[in-house]
C-alpha atoms as a PDB file:
ATOM      1  CA  MET A   1      -0.060  -0.166  -0.044  1.00  0.00           C
ATOM      2  CA  THR A   2       1.243   3.572  -1.015  1.00  0.00           C
ATOM      3  CA  LYS A   3       1.540   6.467   1.460  1.00  0.00           C
ATOM      4  CA  ASP A   4      -0.769   8.266  -0.355  1.00  0.00           C
ATOM      5  CA  LYS A   5      -3.588   5.538  -0.130  1.00  0.00           C
ATOM      6  CA  LEU A   6      -3.085   5.190   3.501  1.00  0.00           C
ATOM      7  CA  LEU A   7      -3.421   9.038   3.806  1.00  0.00           C
ATOM      8  CA  ASP A   8      -6.698   9.044   1.980  1.00  0.00           C
ATOM      9  CA  ILE A   9      -7.812   6.186   4.150  1.00  0.00           C
ATOM     10  CA  ALA A  10      -7.246   8.090   7.273  1.00  0.00           C
ATOM     11  CA  LYS A  11      -8.656  11.298   5.525  1.00  0.00           C
ATOM     12  CA  ASN A  12     -11.962   9.398   4.192  1.00  0.00           C
ATOM     13  CA  THR A  13     -12.235   7.828   7.785  1.00  0.00           C
ATOM     14  CA  LEU A  14     -12.803  11.202   9.640  1.00  0.00           C
ATOM     15  CA  ALA A  15     -15.369  12.463   7.117  1.00  0.00           C
ATOM     16  CA  LYS A  16     -17.974  11.136   9.091  1.00  0.00           C
ATOM     17  CA  TYR A  17     -16.695  12.485  12.068  1.00  0.00           C
ATOM     18  CA  ARG A  18     -16.235  15.947  10.206  1.00  0.00           C
ATOM     19  CA  ALA A  19     -20.041  15.791   9.621  1.00  0.00           C
ATOM     20  CA  MET A  20     -21.246  14.897  12.983  1.00  0.00           C
ATOM     21  CA  PRO A  21     -22.474  17.912  15.002  1.00  0.00           C
ATOM     22  CA  TYR A  22     -20.061  19.261  17.583  1.00  0.00           C
ATOM     23  CA  SER A  23     -22.267  18.351  20.762  1.00  0.00           C
ATOM     24  CA  ASP A  24     -21.882  14.821  19.506  1.00  0.00           C
ATOM     25  CA  LEU A  25     -18.085  15.008  19.171  1.00  0.00           C
ATOM     26  CA  ALA A  26     -17.730  16.594  22.584  1.00  0.00           C
ATOM     27  CA  LYS A  27     -19.205  13.701  24.276  1.00  0.00           C
ATOM     28  CA  LYS A  28     -16.616  11.500  22.716  1.00  0.00           C
ATOM     29  CA  VAL A  29     -13.476  13.406  24.489  1.00  0.00           C
ATOM     30  CA  GLY A  30     -12.122  11.484  27.199  1.00  0.00           C
ATOM     31  CA  ALA A  31     -13.453   8.023  25.912  1.00  0.00           C
ATOM     32  CA  LEU A  32     -11.663   4.919  27.664  1.00  0.00           C
ATOM     33  CA  GLN A  33     -11.104   3.224  24.371  1.00  0.00           C
ATOM     34  CA  PRO A  34     -10.214   4.904  20.969  1.00  0.00           C
ATOM     35  CA  GLU A  35     -12.696   3.705  18.178  1.00  0.00           C
ATOM     36  CA  THR A  36     -10.991   1.147  16.016  1.00  0.00           C
ATOM     37  CA  ASP A  37     -11.632  -0.664  12.763  1.00  0.00           C
ATOM     38  CA  SER A  38      -9.691  -2.836  10.352  1.00  0.00           C
ATOM     39  CA  HIS A  39     -10.122  -3.656   6.842  1.00  0.00           C
ATOM     40  CA  GLY A  40      -8.768  -7.036   5.144  1.00  0.00           C
ATOM     41  CA  ASP A  41      -6.395  -9.697   5.740  1.00  0.00           C
ATOM     42  CA  PRO A  42      -3.354  -8.715   7.809  1.00  0.00           C
ATOM     43  CA  LYS A  43      -1.596 -11.055   5.152  1.00  0.00           C
ATOM     44  CA  GLY A  44      -2.759  -9.403   2.252  1.00  0.00           C
ATOM     45  CA  GLN A  45      -1.804  -6.046   0.484  1.00  0.00           C
ATOM     46  CA  ASP A  46      -4.900  -4.290   1.085  1.00  0.00           C
ATOM     47  CA  PHE A  47      -4.960  -4.369   4.902  1.00  0.00           C
ATOM     48  CA  TYR A  48      -4.920  -1.420   7.272  1.00  0.00           C
ATOM     49  CA  GLN A  49      -6.162  -0.543  10.718  1.00  0.00           C
ATOM     50  CA  THR A  50      -7.308   2.678  12.092  1.00  0.00           C
ATOM     51  CA  GLU A  51      -7.756   4.187  15.488  1.00  0.00           C
ATOM     52  CA  VAL A  52      -9.724   7.488  16.295  1.00  0.00           C
ATOM     53  CA  GLU A  53      -9.778   9.782  19.161  1.00  0.00           C
ATOM     54  CA  ILE A  54     -11.024  13.122  20.034  1.00  0.00           C
ATOM     55  CA  VAL A  55      -9.579  15.604  22.564  1.00  0.00           C
ATOM     56  CA  TYR A  56      -9.708  19.059  23.409  1.00  0.00           C
ATOM     57  CA  ASP A  57      -7.095  21.089  21.272  1.00  0.00           C
ATOM     58  CA  ASP A  58      -7.911  23.973  23.517  1.00  0.00           C
ATOM     59  CA  ARG A  59     -10.008  23.629  26.498  1.00  0.00           C
ATOM     60  CA  GLU A  60     -10.467  27.339  26.893  1.00  0.00           C
ATOM     61  CA  SER A  61     -11.735  27.949  23.332  1.00  0.00           C
ATOM     62  CA  GLY A  62     -13.550  24.499  23.053  1.00  0.00           C
ATOM     63  CA  ASN A  63     -11.893  23.635  19.966  1.00  0.00           C
ATOM     64  CA  LEU A  64     -11.767  19.891  19.117  1.00  0.00           C
ATOM     65  CA  ARG A  65      -8.882  17.821  17.629  1.00  0.00           C
ATOM     66  CA  VAL A  66     -10.162  14.660  16.047  1.00  0.00           C
ATOM     67  CA  VAL A  67      -7.119  12.302  15.359  1.00  0.00           C
ATOM     68  CA  CYS A  68      -7.129   9.132  12.960  1.00  0.00           C
ATOM     69  CA  MET A  69      -3.864   7.104  13.394  1.00  0.00           C
ATOM     70  CA  VAL A  70      -3.527   4.619  10.381  1.00  0.00           C
ATOM     71  CA  ASP A  71      -0.989   1.365   9.858  1.00  0.00           C
ATOM     72  CA  ASP A  72      -0.828  -1.104   7.172  1.00  0.00           C
ATOM     73  CA  GLY A  73       0.758  -3.564   9.425  1.00  0.00           C
ATOM     74  CA  LYS A  74       3.858  -3.875   6.844  1.00  0.00           C
ATOM     75  CA  GLY A  75       5.750  -0.645   7.913  1.00  0.00           C
ATOM     76  CA  PHE A  76       3.750   2.355   6.825  1.00  0.00           C
ATOM     77  CA  SER A  77       2.127   4.172   9.367  1.00  0.00           C
ATOM     78  CA  GLY A  78       0.373   7.894   9.593  1.00  0.00           C
ATOM     79  CA  ILE A  79      -1.701  10.205  11.040  1.00  0.00           C
ATOM     80  CA  TYR A  80      -4.403  12.870  10.252  1.00  0.00           C
ATOM     81  CA  ASN A  81      -6.186  15.490  12.360  1.00  0.00           C
ATOM     82  CA  LEU A  82      -8.968  17.756  12.120  1.00  0.00           C
ATOM     83  CA  ILE A  83      -9.504  20.581  14.442  1.00  0.00           C
ATOM     84  CA  LEU A  84     -12.960  21.933  14.808  1.00  0.00           C
ATOM     85  CA  SER A  85     -14.400  25.091  16.695  1.00  0.00           C
ATOM     86  CA  PRO A  86     -17.483  25.048  18.710  1.00  0.00           C
ATOM     87  CA  ASP A  87     -19.650  26.239  15.809  1.00  0.00           C
ATOM     88  CA  GLY A  88     -18.411  23.479  13.827  1.00  0.00           C
ATOM     89  CA  SER A  89     -16.138  25.372  11.546  1.00  0.00           C
ATOM     90  CA  LEU A  90     -13.211  23.393  10.332  1.00  0.00           C
ATOM     91  CA  LEU A  91     -10.159  25.438  11.332  1.00  0.00           C
ATOM     92  CA  SER A  92      -7.391  23.288   9.835  1.00  0.00           C
ATOM     93  CA  GLU A  93      -6.517  19.750   8.894  1.00  0.00           C
ATOM     94  CA  GLY A  94      -3.693  17.672   7.871  1.00  0.00           C
ATOM     95  CA  GLY A  95      -1.365  14.366   8.480  1.00  0.00           C
ATOM     96  CA  ASN A  96       1.325  12.448   7.213  1.00  0.00           C
ATOM     97  CA  VAL A  97       2.553   8.843   6.700  1.00  0.00           C
ATOM     98  CA  ARG A  98       5.827   7.549   7.417  1.00  0.00           C
ATOM     99  CA  ASN A  99       7.856   4.449   6.535  1.00  0.00           C
ATOM    100  CA  HIS A 100       9.687   2.969   9.368  1.00  0.00           C
ATOM    101  CA  ARG A 101      10.727  -0.083   7.964  1.00  0.00           C
ATOM    102  CA  THR A 102      14.210   1.082   7.362  1.00  0.00           C
ATOM    103  CA  ASP A 103      14.698   2.536  11.184  1.00  0.00           C
ATOM    104  CA  PHE A 104      17.226  -0.245  12.290  1.00  0.00           C
ATOM    105  CA  PHE A 105      18.636   1.613  15.026  1.00  0.00           C
ATOM    106  CA  LYS A 106      15.257   2.825  16.205  1.00  0.00           C
ATOM    107  CA  SER A 107      14.089  -0.892  16.394  1.00  0.00           C
ATOM    108  CA  ALA A 108      16.998  -2.048  17.966  1.00  0.00           C
ATOM    109  CA  LEU A 109      16.956   0.615  20.931  1.00  0.00           C
ATOM    110  CA  SER A 110      13.228   0.087  21.182  1.00  0.00           C
ATOM    111  CA  VAL A 111      13.972  -3.630  21.738  1.00  0.00           C
ATOM    112  CA  PHE A 112      16.835  -3.070  24.318  1.00  0.00           C
ATOM    113  CA  ILE A 113      14.449  -0.972  26.508  1.00  0.00           C
ATOM    114  CA  LEU A 114      12.208  -3.871  26.411  1.00  0.00           C
ATOM    115  CA  ARG A 115       9.413  -2.462  23.888  1.00  0.00           C
ATOM    116  CA  GLU A 116       7.425  -5.042  22.058  1.00  0.00           C
ATOM    117  CA  LEU A 117       7.391  -4.546  18.522  1.00  0.00           C
ATOM    118  CA  THR A 118       5.680  -6.152  15.528  1.00  0.00           C
ATOM    119  CA  PHE A 119       7.394  -7.958  12.851  1.00  0.00           C
ATOM    120  CA  SER A 120       6.601  -5.013  10.569  1.00  0.00           C
ATOM    121  CA  ARG A 121       9.079  -3.137  12.493  1.00  0.00           C
ATOM    122  CA  PHE A 122      12.024  -5.406  11.510  1.00  0.00           C
ATOM    123  CA  ASP A 123      11.105  -4.988   7.724  1.00  0.00           C
ATOM    124  CA  PHE A 124      14.557  -3.173   6.760  1.00  0.00           C
ATOM    125  CA  PRO A 125      17.236  -4.366   4.203  1.00  0.00           C
ATOM    126  CA  ARG A 126      19.112  -7.273   5.507  1.00  0.00           C
ATOM    127  CA  TRP A 127      22.536  -5.724   4.759  1.00  0.00           C
ATOM    128  CA  GLN A 128      21.943  -3.319   8.045  1.00  0.00           C
ATOM    129  CA  SER A 129      21.755  -6.500   9.933  1.00  0.00           C
ATOM    130  CA  VAL A 130      24.554  -7.974   8.516  1.00  0.00           C
ATOM    131  CA  LEU A 131      26.901  -4.720   9.448  1.00  0.00           C
ATOM    132  CA  ALA A 132      25.362  -4.956  13.002  1.00  0.00           C
ATOM    133  CA  ILE A 133      26.376  -8.716  13.128  1.00  0.00           C
ATOM    134  CA  SER A 134      30.022  -7.868  11.744  1.00  0.00           C
ATOM    135  CA  LEU A 135      30.363  -5.004  14.323  1.00  0.00           C
ATOM    136  CA  ILE A 136      29.738  -7.119  16.954  1.00  0.00           C
ATOM    137  CA  GLY A 137      32.040  -9.761  15.641  1.00  0.00           C
ATOM    138  CA  LEU A 138      34.911  -7.342  15.008  1.00  0.00           C
ATOM    139  CA  LEU A 139      34.568  -6.067  18.598  1.00  0.00           C
ATOM    140  CA  VAL A 140      34.555  -9.617  20.056  1.00  0.00           C
ATOM    141  CA  GLY A 141      37.993  -9.935  18.154  1.00  0.00           C
ATOM    142  CA  LEU A 142      39.624  -7.056  19.831  1.00  0.00           C
ATOM    143  CA  ASP A 143      39.103  -8.718  23.265  1.00  0.00           C
ATOM    144  CA  PRO A 144      42.691  -8.664  24.682  1.00  0.00           C
ATOM    145  CA  SER A 145      42.317 -12.319  25.785  1.00  0.00           C
ATOM    146  CA  LEU A 146      42.590 -13.448  22.440  1.00  0.00           C
ATOM    147  CA  ARG A 147      46.103 -12.121  21.987  1.00  0.00           C
ATOM    148  CA  ALA A 148      47.226 -13.296  25.019  1.00  0.00           C
ATOM    149  CA  ALA A 149      50.181 -15.633  24.979  1.00  0.00           C
ATOM    150  CA  PRO A 150      52.970 -16.910  27.546  1.00  0.00           C
ATOM    151  CA  PRO A 151      55.779 -14.869  28.260  1.00  0.00           C
ATOM    152  CA  ASP A 152      58.315 -17.152  26.180  1.00  0.00           C
ATOM    153  CA  MET A 153      55.975 -17.112  23.120  1.00  0.00           C
ATOM    154  CA  PRO A 154      54.915 -14.334  20.765  1.00  0.00           C
ATOM    155  CA  ALA A 155      51.370 -12.869  20.752  1.00  0.00           C
ATOM    156  CA  PRO A 156      49.146 -13.645  17.636  1.00  0.00           C
ATOM    157  CA  PRO A 157      48.625 -11.056  15.397  1.00  0.00           C
ATOM    158  CA  LEU A 158      45.826  -8.624  15.513  1.00  0.00           C
ATOM    159  CA  TRP A 159      44.416  -9.431  12.220  1.00  0.00           C
ATOM    160  CA  LEU A 160      44.051 -13.012  13.311  1.00  0.00           C
ATOM    161  CA  ALA A 161      42.104 -12.268  16.619  1.00  0.00           C
ATOM    162  CA  VAL A 162      39.878 -10.103  14.557  1.00  0.00           C
ATOM    163  CA  VAL A 163      38.943 -12.748  11.793  1.00  0.00           C
ATOM    164  CA  MET A 164      38.495 -15.325  14.640  1.00  0.00           C
ATOM    165  CA  GLY A 165      35.895 -12.897  16.640  1.00  0.00           C
ATOM    166  CA  LEU A 166      34.206 -12.198  12.888  1.00  0.00           C
ATOM    167  CA  VAL A 167      33.877 -15.668  12.097  1.00  0.00           C
ATOM    168  CA  THR A 168      32.867 -17.069  15.446  1.00  0.00           C
ATOM    169  CA  THR A 169      30.383 -14.541  16.213  1.00  0.00           C
ATOM    170  CA  TRP A 170      28.734 -15.303  12.419  1.00  0.00           C
ATOM    171  CA  VAL A 171      29.056 -19.013  13.130  1.00  0.00           C
ATOM    172  CA  ALA A 172      27.294 -18.420  16.663  1.00  0.00           C
ATOM    173  CA  PHE A 173      24.644 -16.260  15.155  1.00  0.00           C
ATOM    174  CA  LEU A 174      23.471 -18.543  12.207  1.00  0.00           C
ATOM    175  CA  VAL A 175      23.271 -21.452  14.381  1.00  0.00           C
ATOM    176  CA  ILE A 176      21.272 -19.878  16.968  1.00  0.00           C
ATOM    177  CA  LEU A 177      18.838 -18.319  14.188  1.00  0.00           C
ATOM    178  CA  GLY A 178      18.358 -21.906  12.614  1.00  0.00           C
ATOM    179  CA  VAL A 179      17.605 -23.378  15.999  1.00  0.00           C
ATOM    180  CA  LEU A 180      15.136 -20.584  16.593  1.00  0.00           C
ATOM    181  CA  ALA A 181      13.523 -20.898  13.481  1.00  0.00           C
ATOM    182  CA  TRP A 182      12.889 -24.597  14.087  1.00  0.00           C
ATOM    183  CA  TRP A 183      11.690 -23.853  17.928  1.00  0.00           C
ATOM    184  CA  LEU A 184       9.505 -21.298  17.228  1.00  0.00           C
ATOM    185  CA  LYS A 185       7.364 -23.226  14.338  1.00  0.00           C
ATOM    186  CA  ARG A 186       6.798 -26.156  16.980  1.00  0.00           C
ATOM    187  CA  GLY A 187       3.174 -26.288  17.792  1.00  0.00           C
ATOM    188  CA  GLY A 188       2.291 -23.844  15.003  1.00  0.00           C
ATOM    189  CA  ARG A 189       3.536 -21.119  17.378  1.00  0.00           C
ATOM    190  CA  TRP A 190       5.129 -19.058  14.324  1.00  0.00           C
ATOM    191  CA  ASP A 191       3.956 -19.341  10.778  1.00  0.00           C
ATOM    192  CA  GLY A 192       7.349 -18.210   9.495  1.00  0.00           C
ATOM    193  CA  GLN A 193       6.111 -14.809   8.146  1.00  0.00           C
ATOM    194  CA  GLY A 194       8.583 -11.729   9.138  1.00  0.00           C
ATOM    195  CA  SER A 195      12.296 -11.377   9.368  1.00  0.00           C
ATOM    196  CA  LEU A 196      13.603 -13.422  12.202  1.00  0.00           C
ATOM    197  CA  PHE A 197      17.219 -12.682  10.500  1.00  0.00           C
ATOM    198  CA  ASN A 198      16.688  -9.080  11.221  1.00  0.00           C
ATOM    199  CA  LEU A 199      14.564  -9.421  14.475  1.00  0.00           C
ATOM    200  CA  VAL A 200      17.652 -11.440  16.163  1.00  0.00           C
ATOM    201  CA  ALA A 201      20.034  -9.042  14.567  1.00  0.00           C
ATOM    202  CA  ALA A 202      18.356  -6.116  16.116  1.00  0.00           C
ATOM    203  CA  SER A 203      17.901  -7.584  19.512  1.00  0.00           C
ATOM    204  CA  TRP A 204      21.458  -8.332  19.741  1.00  0.00           C
ATOM    205  CA  LEU A 205      22.855  -5.001  18.402  1.00  0.00           C
ATOM    206  CA  VAL A 206      23.036  -2.800  21.646  1.00  0.00           C
ATOM    207  CA  ALA A 207      23.435  -5.297  24.571  1.00  0.00           C
ATOM    208  CA  ASP A 208      26.231  -7.024  22.343  1.00  0.00           C
ATOM    209  CA  VAL A 209      28.093  -3.990  21.166  1.00  0.00           C
ATOM    210  CA  LEU A 210      28.150  -2.720  24.900  1.00  0.00           C
ATOM    211  CA  GLY A 211      29.526  -6.091  26.012  1.00  0.00           C
ATOM    212  CA  ALA A 212      32.079  -6.529  23.349  1.00  0.00           C
ATOM    213  CA  GLY A 213      32.916  -2.813  23.249  1.00  0.00           C
ATOM    214  CA  LEU A 214      33.829  -2.689  26.952  1.00  0.00           C
ATOM    215  CA  THR A 215      35.406  -6.396  26.682  1.00  0.00           C
ATOM    216  CA  ALA A 216      37.758  -4.779  24.026  1.00  0.00           C
ATOM    217  CA  LEU A 217      38.542  -2.064  26.140  1.00  0.00           C
ATOM    218  CA  GLY A 218      39.947  -4.514  28.900  1.00  0.00           C
ATOM    219  CA  VAL A 219      36.788  -4.493  31.292  1.00  0.00           C
ATOM    220  CA  PRO A 220      37.060  -8.078  32.983  1.00  0.00           C
ATOM    221  CA  HIS A 221      34.551 -10.485  31.287  1.00  0.00           C
ATOM    222  CA  LEU A 222      32.824 -11.147  34.821  1.00  0.00           C
ATOM    223  CA  LEU A 223      31.750  -7.265  35.191  1.00  0.00           C
ATOM    224  CA  THR A 224      30.330  -7.388  31.399  1.00  0.00           C
ATOM    225  CA  LEU A 225      28.423 -10.674  32.006  1.00  0.00           C
ATOM    226  CA  PRO A 226      25.333  -8.941  33.053  1.00  0.00           C
ATOM    227  CA  LEU A 227      24.929  -7.342  29.870  1.00  0.00           C
ATOM    228  CA  TRP A 228      25.329 -10.708  27.814  1.00  0.00           C
ATOM    229  CA  LEU A 229      22.772 -12.239  30.129  1.00  0.00           C
ATOM    230  CA  TYR A 230      20.278  -9.184  29.459  1.00  0.00           C
ATOM    231  CA  SER A 231      20.918  -9.644  25.903  1.00  0.00           C
ATOM    232  CA  VAL A 232      19.162 -12.786  26.002  1.00  0.00           C
ATOM    233  CA  TRP A 233      16.179 -11.047  27.934  1.00  0.00           C
ATOM    234  CA  VAL A 234      16.246  -8.638  25.152  1.00  0.00           C
ATOM    235  CA  GLY A 235      16.138 -11.312  22.351  1.00  0.00           C
ATOM    236  CA  ALA A 236      13.269 -13.375  24.108  1.00  0.00           C
ATOM    237  CA  ASN A 237      10.970 -10.179  24.799  1.00  0.00           C
ATOM    238  CA  ALA A 238      11.648  -9.188  21.151  1.00  0.00           C
ATOM    239  CA  LEU A 239      10.543 -12.943  20.116  1.00  0.00           C
ATOM    240  CA  SER A 240       7.369 -12.894  22.556  1.00  0.00           C
ATOM    241  CA  GLY A 241       6.378  -9.488  21.233  1.00  0.00           C
ATOM    242  CA  ALA A 242       6.560 -10.116  17.468  1.00  0.00           C
ATOM    243  CA  ILE A 243       4.966 -13.542  17.729  1.00  0.00           C
ATOM    244  CA  PRO A 244       1.654 -13.746  20.165  1.00  0.00           C
ATOM    245  CA  LYS A 245       1.569 -17.075  20.410  1.00  0.00           C
ATOM    246  CA  VAL A 246       5.450 -17.104  21.963  1.00  0.00           C
ATOM    247  CA  SER A 247       5.582 -16.508  25.742  1.00  0.00           C
ATOM    248  CA  LEU A 248       8.603 -15.182  27.080  1.00  0.00           C
ATOM    249  CA  GLY A 249       9.462 -18.121  28.992  1.00  0.00           C
ATOM    250  CA  TYR A 250       9.415 -20.268  25.602  1.00  0.00           C
ATOM    251  CA  ALA A 251      11.478 -17.546  23.887  1.00  0.00           C
ATOM    252  CA  ILE A 252      14.173 -17.583  26.450  1.00  0.00           C
ATOM    253  CA  GLY A 253      14.082 -21.346  26.398  1.00  0.00           C
ATOM    254  CA  GLY A 254      14.864 -21.309  22.520  1.00  0.00           C
ATOM    255  CA  ILE A 255      17.457 -19.088  22.971  1.00  0.00           C
ATOM    256  CA  VAL A 256      19.430 -21.137  25.346  1.00  0.00           C
ATOM    257  CA  ILE A 257      18.874 -24.232  23.475  1.00  0.00           C
ATOM    258  CA  GLY A 258      20.395 -22.576  20.597  1.00  0.00           C
ATOM    259  CA  PHE A 259      23.385 -21.541  22.547  1.00  0.00           C
ATOM    260  CA  ILE A 260      24.319 -25.273  23.250  1.00  0.00           C
ATOM    261  CA  PRO A 261      25.136 -26.080  19.422  1.00  0.00           C
ATOM    262  CA  ALA A 262      26.348 -22.693  18.666  1.00  0.00           C
ATOM    263  CA  MET A 263      28.737 -23.056  21.483  1.00  0.00           C
ATOM    264  CA  LEU A 264      30.005 -26.531  20.370  1.00  0.00           C
ATOM    265  CA  ALA A 265      30.166 -25.122  16.639  1.00  0.00           C
ATOM    266  CA  VAL A 266      32.480 -22.507  17.702  1.00  0.00           C
ATOM    267  CA  GLY A 267      34.441 -24.924  19.799  1.00  0.00           C
ATOM    268  CA  VAL A 268      35.032 -27.033  16.976  1.00  0.00           C
ATOM    269  CA  LEU A 269      35.921 -24.120  14.775  1.00  0.00           C
ATOM    270  CA  PHE A 270      38.740 -23.053  17.218  1.00  0.00           C
ATOM    271  CA  ALA A 271      40.113 -26.544  17.393  1.00  0.00           C
ATOM    272  CA  LEU A 272      40.201 -26.896  13.551  1.00  0.00           C
ATOM    273  CA  LEU A 273      41.738 -23.322  13.169  1.00  0.00           C
ATOM    274  CA  GLY A 274      44.226 -24.366  16.069  1.00  0.00           C
ATOM    275  CA  ILE A 275      45.443 -27.487  14.162  1.00  0.00           C
ATOM    276  CA  GLY A 276      45.612 -25.452  10.877  1.00  0.00           C
ATOM    277  CA  LEU A 277      47.626 -22.677  12.362  1.00  0.00           C
ATOM    278  CA  ALA A 278      50.048 -24.864  14.184  1.00  0.00           C
ATOM    279  CA  MET A 279      50.643 -26.712  10.862  1.00  0.00           C
ATOM    280  CA  LEU A 280      51.580 -23.444   9.357  1.00  0.00           C
ATOM    281  CA  GLY A 281      53.453 -22.450  12.308  1.00  0.00           C
ATOM    282  CA  VAL A 282      51.704 -19.914  13.490  1.00  0.00           C
ATOM    283  CA  VAL A 283      51.180 -19.345  16.996  1.00  0.00           C
ATOM    284  CA  PRO A 284      47.466 -19.679  18.176  1.00  0.00           C
ATOM    285  CA  PRO A 285      45.592 -17.706  21.116  1.00  0.00           C
ATOM    286  CA  PRO A 286      45.121 -19.565  24.289  1.00  0.00           C
ATOM    287  CA  GLY A 287      42.261 -22.120  23.646  1.00  0.00           C
ATOM    288  CA  LEU A 288      43.089 -22.657  19.760  1.00  0.00           C
ATOM    289  CA  GLY A 289      45.155 -25.586  20.634  1.00  0.00           C
END
């Protein structure tokens, strides 16, 4: 659905309120629930939902503001306003529609503070998620412990540690993603609609960048542990918010289960790289051999 069409829907929705007497509109001020409506199948292209609320724009003059909020459930949302005087005159009207499908960082910050978002809020280009996971991997690779070596041995090169951070982070991400896709579809909880890739990446961004960044600056792992644990909570809350049939506990279980094969895969990768580096005569970081 286009922005213009969605804006026309909001404007047309308010047409009946524009025709109502001022006294009838005034009775609706302070209603506990806004007047809502929806049209079409949520999975269809013509779906939209509206919400109308009436408030005083200026209580002293008695001017009323009639507000219509409209959303297509796929990334477009808008608002349209009418301001009416007590004699029924139209003082002003107007509105706008915005596309929040590319608000990657806004979505990431929202889930970090545990706001529940629909899948449509994660409908942004995948390259943004790829950059986010790569940034986390880069910071993981800058962890000083990856370059630690006994006094009589040279430290591994920085480039090797960075490559290891990138590779292991991506391996862990993809394994956890695969496990979650299976876990969430169990019992028909999730129909597979929506970008799970983007949702998980957005839920990782803030907490993991903070945790990996502090570690790269030399902060002990024990002190950054709360951030990593909070990251699990953020991810689970994002999943339960986007998928109504998935509870917070079930989402946490899926993430924890995903960590098990992810850590095993990372361990195997470290072992294989350690063997390869030893064969090439390159001294690996601790844990590689």
